[in-house]
Amino acid sequence: MTNGVLHDHAFGITTIDTGFMRPGFAASHLLIENNHAAYIDVGTTYSVSRLLDVLQTKNIAAENVDYVIVTHVHLDHAGGAGKLMQALPNARLVVHPRGAHHIINPSKLIAGTIAVYGEKVFQAFYGKIVPVAAERVIQAADEQVLEFQGRPLLFLDTPGHARHHFCIFDERAKCFFTGDAFGISYQDFVTPKGRFIFATTTPVQFEPSAMHESINRLLSYYPDKMYLTHYGEITEVIKLADILHESIDKQVKIIESVANRLDSSNTLLVDGILSYFLDELQRLDCAVPIDTCRKLLAMDARLNAQGLINMMG
């Protein structure tokens, strides 16, 4: 079923549009097993009512949500976790050990995000961030298995985008929920020649070698599908992994080529990344007008540029 907000897949998996930024930009994934539910990534505080509406549509009681899982603590993935947990009395929140303190006390995370976006944009994008009580938090170690109603979920440490990032392997569905570890592939740019996908190098912990290793680690489980927060279900996993590896290297080469010519605006770097995106879309014969592509990808280019600059020190 597709109604613009949710899209149902096999094995009780539902992609929910969190409403962040624009349609098809950021997703939460709902897993349903034995009339119980788990969320993987939750969007922002403003996404919570939408996530609860979908739960009601599925006739799942709030008391039957067992887990809220965040792949990492960037606020487009985890900003709404605290508010959502307030509505789910029996849920435990599952987070990477390196990110747990940001969920329990989000003050540094808030300050870091404001440093990137500014106070006004922070409030417009994310709103109030609600902390989660420590006793409700599970810190999932590398290779830990969480039993969700008899459905094993395997957690793998997958740095590269962030050091507080894990991916979740659903053995039954033979798929991963990848957060940002397997790149970004917006629905806007699906073409007859395939998907446009790129590595996200956003601040502040982009590490190219770690990202390469994380992608390869995911592939070692031979998944049939990936579920991306940005955005939704993707197949052709091997092909897209190859493109992601190229994307990491291409973006590193872009900053290396302009590093000694950068000024405070970072215009050369942002323009270089955006040109790379647009060249890839042209190669795929994307039907979206180029000015629209440029507008839709401008923020990603700016954020990727900041992450690359941080990488260079």
Protein backbone atom coordinates (compact mmCIF):
# COMPACT_ATOMS: atom_id res chain seq x y z
CA MET A 1 0.00 0.00 0.00
CA THR A 2 1.31 3.46 -0.89
CA ASN A 3 -0.47 6.63 0.19
CA GLY A 4 2.38 9.14 0.09
CA VAL A 5 3.23 8.61 3.75
CA LEU A 6 3.76 4.87 3.98
CA HIS A 7 4.84 2.08 1.68
CA ASP A 8 4.45 -1.55 2.71
CA HIS A 9 7.04 -4.18 1.80
CA ALA A 10 7.41 -7.90 2.40
CA PHE A 11 8.17 -9.36 5.84
CA GLY A 12 6.12 -6.80 7.73
CA ILE A 13 8.37 -3.87 6.83
CA THR A 14 6.86 -0.44 6.20
CA THR A 15 8.66 2.68 5.00
CA ILE A 16 7.20 5.81 6.59
CA ASP A 17 7.94 9.26 5.20
CA THR A 18 8.91 11.30 8.26
CA GLY A 19 7.95 14.58 6.59
CA PHE A 20 11.42 16.07 7.06
CA MET A 21 12.45 18.66 4.45
CA ARG A 22 10.37 17.34 1.54
CA PRO A 23 8.46 14.18 0.52
CA GLY A 24 10.75 11.21 -0.03
CA PHE A 25 13.69 12.77 1.82
CA ALA A 26 13.83 10.89 5.14
CA ALA A 27 12.23 7.63 6.26
CA SER A 28 11.46 5.69 9.38
CA HIS A 29 11.04 1.95 9.02
CA LEU A 30 8.42 0.08 11.00
CA LEU A 31 8.79 -3.65 11.59
CA ILE A 32 5.73 -5.66 12.61
CA GLU A 33 5.97 -9.16 14.07
CA ASN A 34 3.33 -11.03 16.10
CA ASN A 35 1.23 -7.85 16.44
CA HIS A 36 4.20 -6.05 17.99
CA ALA A 37 6.28 -3.31 16.41
CA ALA A 38 9.72 -1.74 16.30
CA TYR A 39 10.77 1.53 14.70
CA ILE A 40 14.15 1.96 13.01
CA ASP A 41 15.07 5.65 12.77
CA VAL A 42 12.36 8.10 13.70
CA GLY A 43 12.93 11.47 12.06
CA THR A 44 12.52 14.63 14.12
CA THR A 45 10.21 15.76 16.91
CA TYR A 46 7.86 16.97 14.18
CA SER A 47 7.69 13.42 12.75
CA VAL A 48 6.29 11.76 15.86
CA SER A 49 2.57 12.33 15.21
CA ARG A 50 2.97 10.85 11.74
CA LEU A 51 4.73 7.76 13.10
CA LEU A 52 2.00 7.24 15.69
CA ASP A 53 -0.71 7.68 13.05
CA VAL A 54 0.81 4.87 11.00
CA LEU A 55 0.92 2.67 14.11
CA GLN A 56 -2.80 3.28 14.57
CA THR A 57 -3.42 2.53 10.88
CA LYS A 58 -1.71 -0.83 11.44
CA ASN A 59 -3.91 -1.51 14.51
CA ILE A 60 -0.87 -1.86 16.75
CA ALA A 61 -1.30 -0.62 20.31
CA ALA A 62 1.30 1.81 21.61
CA GLU A 63 1.93 -0.69 24.43
CA ASN A 64 3.00 -3.24 21.79
CA VAL A 65 5.94 -1.24 20.48
CA ASP A 66 8.95 -3.10 21.88
CA TYR A 67 11.85 -1.07 20.46
CA VAL A 68 12.77 2.30 19.05
CA ILE A 69 16.10 1.83 17.24
CA VAL A 70 18.25 4.69 15.94
CA THR A 71 21.07 3.86 13.54
CA HIS A 72 22.99 6.89 14.80
CA VAL A 73 22.18 10.06 16.69
CA HIS A 74 22.11 12.66 13.91
CA LEU A 75 18.86 14.51 14.42
CA ASP A 76 17.19 13.65 11.11
CA HIS A 77 17.39 10.03 12.33
CA ALA A 78 17.04 10.33 16.10
CA GLY A 79 15.74 13.81 16.92
CA GLY A 80 12.21 12.58 17.61
CA ALA A 81 13.24 9.57 19.71
CA GLY A 82 12.59 11.14 23.10
CA LYS A 83 9.16 12.47 22.23
CA LEU A 84 8.21 9.18 20.57
CA MET A 85 9.31 7.21 23.63
CA GLN A 86 6.93 9.30 25.76
CA ALA A 87 4.03 7.77 23.81
CA LEU A 88 5.33 4.17 23.97
CA PRO A 89 5.24 2.98 27.59
CA ASN A 90 6.91 -0.42 27.07
CA ALA A 91 9.49 0.49 24.42
CA ARG A 92 13.25 0.41 24.92
CA LEU A 93 15.47 2.67 22.88
CA VAL A 94 18.41 0.95 21.15
CA VAL A 95 21.45 3.04 20.23
CA HIS A 96 25.16 2.66 19.50
CA PRO A 97 27.25 2.83 22.70
CA ARG A 98 29.06 5.92 21.39
CA GLY A 99 25.74 7.71 20.91
CA ALA A 100 23.90 6.71 24.08
CA HIS A 101 24.99 9.72 26.13
CA HIS A 102 23.58 12.04 23.44
CA ILE A 103 20.19 10.35 23.74
CA ILE A 104 20.21 10.54 27.54
CA ASN A 105 21.55 14.11 27.63
CA PRO A 106 21.23 15.72 24.20
CA SER A 107 22.69 19.13 25.11
CA LYS A 108 26.02 18.64 23.25
CA LEU A 109 24.23 17.17 20.24
CA ILE A 110 21.92 20.17 20.14
CA ALA A 111 24.85 22.59 20.42
CA GLY A 112 26.76 20.79 17.65
CA THR A 113 23.77 20.86 15.33
CA ILE A 114 23.16 24.56 16.00
CA ALA A 115 26.83 25.17 15.14
CA VAL A 116 26.21 23.62 11.70
CA TYR A 117 22.78 25.12 10.92
CA GLY A 118 22.23 28.08 13.25
CA GLU A 119 19.58 28.50 15.96
CA LYS A 120 16.73 29.59 13.69
CA VAL A 121 17.15 26.72 11.24
CA PHE A 122 17.63 24.26 14.11
CA GLN A 123 14.26 25.16 15.61
CA ALA A 124 12.52 25.05 12.23
CA PHE A 125 14.01 21.67 11.32
CA TYR A 126 14.16 19.85 14.64
CA GLY A 127 12.20 21.58 17.40
CA LYS A 128 12.56 20.54 21.03
CA ILE A 129 14.78 17.51 21.66
CA VAL A 130 13.49 15.36 24.53
CA PRO A 131 15.98 13.25 26.54
CA VAL A 132 15.39 9.55 27.19
CA ALA A 133 15.77 8.09 30.67
CA ALA A 134 18.93 5.99 30.96
CA GLU A 135 17.06 2.96 32.27
CA ARG A 136 15.09 2.76 29.01
CA VAL A 137 18.21 2.75 26.81
CA ILE A 138 19.91 -0.35 25.41
CA GLN A 139 23.46 0.13 24.10
CA ALA A 140 23.83 -2.41 21.31
CA ALA A 141 27.35 -3.80 21.03
CA ASP A 142 28.90 -4.95 17.76
CA GLU A 143 27.38 -8.28 16.64
CA GLN A 144 24.78 -8.18 19.41
CA VAL A 145 21.52 -9.94 18.52
CA LEU A 146 18.25 -8.50 19.76
CA GLU A 147 15.26 -10.85 19.73
CA PHE A 148 12.22 -9.02 18.44
CA GLN A 149 9.27 -11.37 18.93
CA GLY A 150 11.43 -14.31 17.87
CA ARG A 151 12.84 -12.35 14.92
CA PRO A 152 16.60 -11.89 15.39
CA LEU A 153 18.03 -8.45 14.63
CA LEU A 154 21.83 -8.31 14.37
CA PHE A 155 23.65 -5.06 15.11
CA LEU A 156 26.91 -4.28 13.29
CA ASP A 157 29.22 -1.40 14.09
CA THR A 158 29.51 0.55 10.82
CA PRO A 159 31.62 3.71 11.15
CA GLY A 160 32.56 5.96 8.25
CA HIS A 161 29.61 8.32 8.27
CA ALA A 162 29.75 8.56 12.07
CA ARG A 163 31.53 6.63 14.79
CA HIS A 164 28.21 6.17 16.58
CA HIS A 165 26.60 4.33 13.66
CA PHE A 166 25.34 0.77 13.45
CA CYS A 167 23.34 -1.10 10.84
CA ILE A 168 20.74 -3.75 11.58
CA PHE A 169 20.57 -7.06 9.74
CA ASP A 170 17.10 -8.61 9.65
CA GLU A 171 17.88 -12.28 9.12
CA ARG A 172 14.30 -13.20 8.24
CA ALA A 173 13.99 -10.58 5.50
CA LYS A 174 17.67 -10.90 4.53
CA CYS A 175 18.05 -7.14 4.51
CA PHE A 176 19.88 -4.34 6.26
CA PHE A 177 18.53 -1.12 7.70
CA THR A 178 21.46 1.08 6.84
CA GLY A 179 20.86 4.58 8.19
CA ASP A 180 23.51 6.56 6.27
CA ALA A 181 26.16 3.82 5.99
CA PHE A 182 24.97 2.73 2.54
CA GLY A 183 24.61 6.20 1.11
CA ILE A 184 21.72 8.32 -0.09
CA SER A 185 19.41 7.43 -2.96
CA TYR A 186 16.40 9.73 -3.24
CA GLN A 187 13.24 8.60 -4.97
CA ASP A 188 13.25 11.81 -7.04
CA PHE A 189 16.13 10.46 -9.11
CA VAL A 190 15.15 6.89 -9.98
CA THR A 191 15.81 6.48 -13.71
CA PRO A 192 15.34 3.72 -16.32
CA LYS A 193 19.13 3.21 -16.17
CA GLY A 194 19.08 2.73 -12.43
CA ARG A 195 19.34 4.64 -9.19
CA PHE A 196 21.39 7.69 -8.42
CA ILE A 197 23.25 6.98 -5.19
CA PHE A 198 26.08 8.79 -3.42
CA ALA A 199 28.08 8.54 -0.22
CA THR A 200 27.15 11.03 2.48
CA THR A 201 30.29 12.69 3.86
CA THR A 202 28.52 15.04 6.28
CA PRO A 203 30.20 16.43 9.42
CA VAL A 204 31.75 15.66 11.77
CA GLN A 205 33.17 12.13 11.62
CA PHE A 206 33.49 11.21 7.94
CA GLU A 207 36.27 8.63 7.55
CA PRO A 208 36.69 7.30 3.99
CA SER A 209 38.55 4.10 4.79
CA ALA A 210 36.08 3.18 7.53
CA MET A 211 33.16 3.81 5.19
CA HIS A 212 34.68 1.52 2.54
CA GLU A 213 35.14 -1.19 5.18
CA SER A 214 31.59 -0.81 6.50
CA ILE A 215 30.09 -1.19 3.02
CA ASN A 216 32.14 -4.33 2.46
CA ARG A 217 31.11 -5.69 5.83
CA LEU A 218 27.43 -5.29 4.93
CA LEU A 219 28.00 -7.08 1.62
CA SER A 220 29.58 -10.03 3.43
CA TYR A 221 26.09 -10.96 4.68
CA TYR A 222 24.77 -11.19 1.08
CA PRO A 223 21.68 -9.04 1.68
CA ASP A 224 18.86 -9.05 -0.85
CA LYS A 225 17.80 -5.50 -0.07
CA MET A 226 18.83 -2.40 1.82
CA TYR A 227 16.47 -0.01 3.56
CA LEU A 228 17.91 3.50 3.53
CA THR A 229 16.77 6.35 5.72
CA HIS A 230 17.31 8.50 2.58
CA TYR A 231 15.31 6.77 1.07
CA GLY A 232 13.46 3.48 1.30
CA GLU A 233 13.96 0.04 -0.24
CA ILE A 234 16.74 -0.58 -2.74
CA THR A 235 17.80 -3.69 -4.62
CA GLU A 236 20.79 -4.26 -6.98
CA VAL A 237 22.90 -4.13 -3.84
CA ILE A 238 26.22 -5.19 -5.39
CA LYS A 239 25.97 -2.71 -8.25
CA LEU A 240 25.08 0.16 -5.95
CA ALA A 241 27.85 -0.76 -3.52
CA ASP A 242 30.37 -0.40 -6.34
CA ILE A 243 28.98 3.05 -7.14
CA LEU A 244 29.20 4.01 -3.47
CA HIS A 245 32.85 3.02 -3.29
CA GLU A 246 33.49 5.21 -6.35
CA SER A 247 31.49 8.04 -4.77
CA ILE A 248 33.65 8.06 -1.64
CA ASP A 249 36.85 8.24 -3.69
CA LYS A 250 35.50 10.84 -6.12
CA GLN A 251 34.49 13.23 -3.34
CA VAL A 252 37.83 12.86 -1.59
CA LYS A 253 39.57 13.66 -4.90
CA ILE A 254 37.37 16.73 -5.33
CA ILE A 255 38.48 18.28 -2.05
CA GLU A 256 42.11 17.32 -2.68
CA SER A 257 41.94 19.17 -6.00
CA VAL A 258 40.67 22.43 -4.46
CA ALA A 259 42.03 22.27 -0.88
CA ASN A 260 44.68 24.97 -1.34
CA ARG A 261 42.20 27.34 -3.01
CA LEU A 262 39.33 27.24 -0.50
CA ASP A 263 37.99 30.35 1.19
CA SER A 264 35.43 30.75 3.98
CA SER A 265 32.51 30.22 1.59
CA ASN A 266 33.78 26.81 0.38
CA THR A 267 32.16 27.66 -2.97
CA LEU A 268 34.73 25.80 -5.06
CA LEU A 269 34.21 22.60 -3.09
CA VAL A 270 30.41 22.82 -2.99
CA ASP A 271 30.30 23.53 -6.74
CA GLY A 272 32.63 20.59 -7.40
CA ILE A 273 30.46 18.18 -5.44
CA LEU A 274 27.29 19.50 -7.05
CA SER A 275 28.84 19.14 -10.51
CA TYR A 276 29.73 15.54 -9.69
CA PHE A 277 26.10 14.89 -8.66
CA LEU A 278 24.71 16.50 -11.80
CA ASP A 279 27.15 14.63 -14.07
CA GLU A 280 26.00 11.34 -12.55
CA LEU A 281 22.35 12.24 -13.09
CA GLN A 282 23.07 13.17 -16.71
CA ARG A 283 24.84 9.82 -17.20
CA LEU A 284 21.68 8.10 -15.95
CA ASP A 285 19.48 10.14 -18.34
CA CYS A 286 17.58 11.60 -15.40
CA ALA A 287 14.37 13.29 -16.57
CA VAL A 288 14.28 15.84 -13.72
CA PRO A 289 15.20 19.33 -15.01
CA ILE A 290 18.77 20.24 -14.13
CA ASP A 291 17.76 23.37 -12.19
CA THR A 292 15.45 21.25 -10.06
CA CYS A 293 18.22 18.70 -9.49
CA ARG A 294 20.57 21.48 -8.45
CA LYS A 295 18.02 22.85 -5.99
CA LEU A 296 17.16 19.44 -4.49
CA LEU A 297 20.81 18.48 -3.99
CA ALA A 298 22.22 21.84 -2.87
CA MET A 299 21.97 21.06 0.84
CA ASP A 300 23.62 17.66 0.43
CA ALA A 301 26.48 19.29 -1.46
CA ARG A 302 26.98 21.86 1.30
CA LEU A 303 26.89 19.27 4.09
CA ASN A 304 29.18 16.88 2.22
CA ALA A 305 31.61 19.75 1.72
CA GLN A 306 31.67 20.49 5.46
CA GLY A 307 32.36 16.85 6.23
CA LEU A 308 35.20 16.70 3.72
CA ILE A 309 36.75 19.85 5.17
CA ASN A 310 36.56 18.33 8.66
CA MET A 311 38.24 15.19 7.33
CA MET A 312 41.15 17.25 6.03
CA GLY A 313 41.58 18.85 9.47
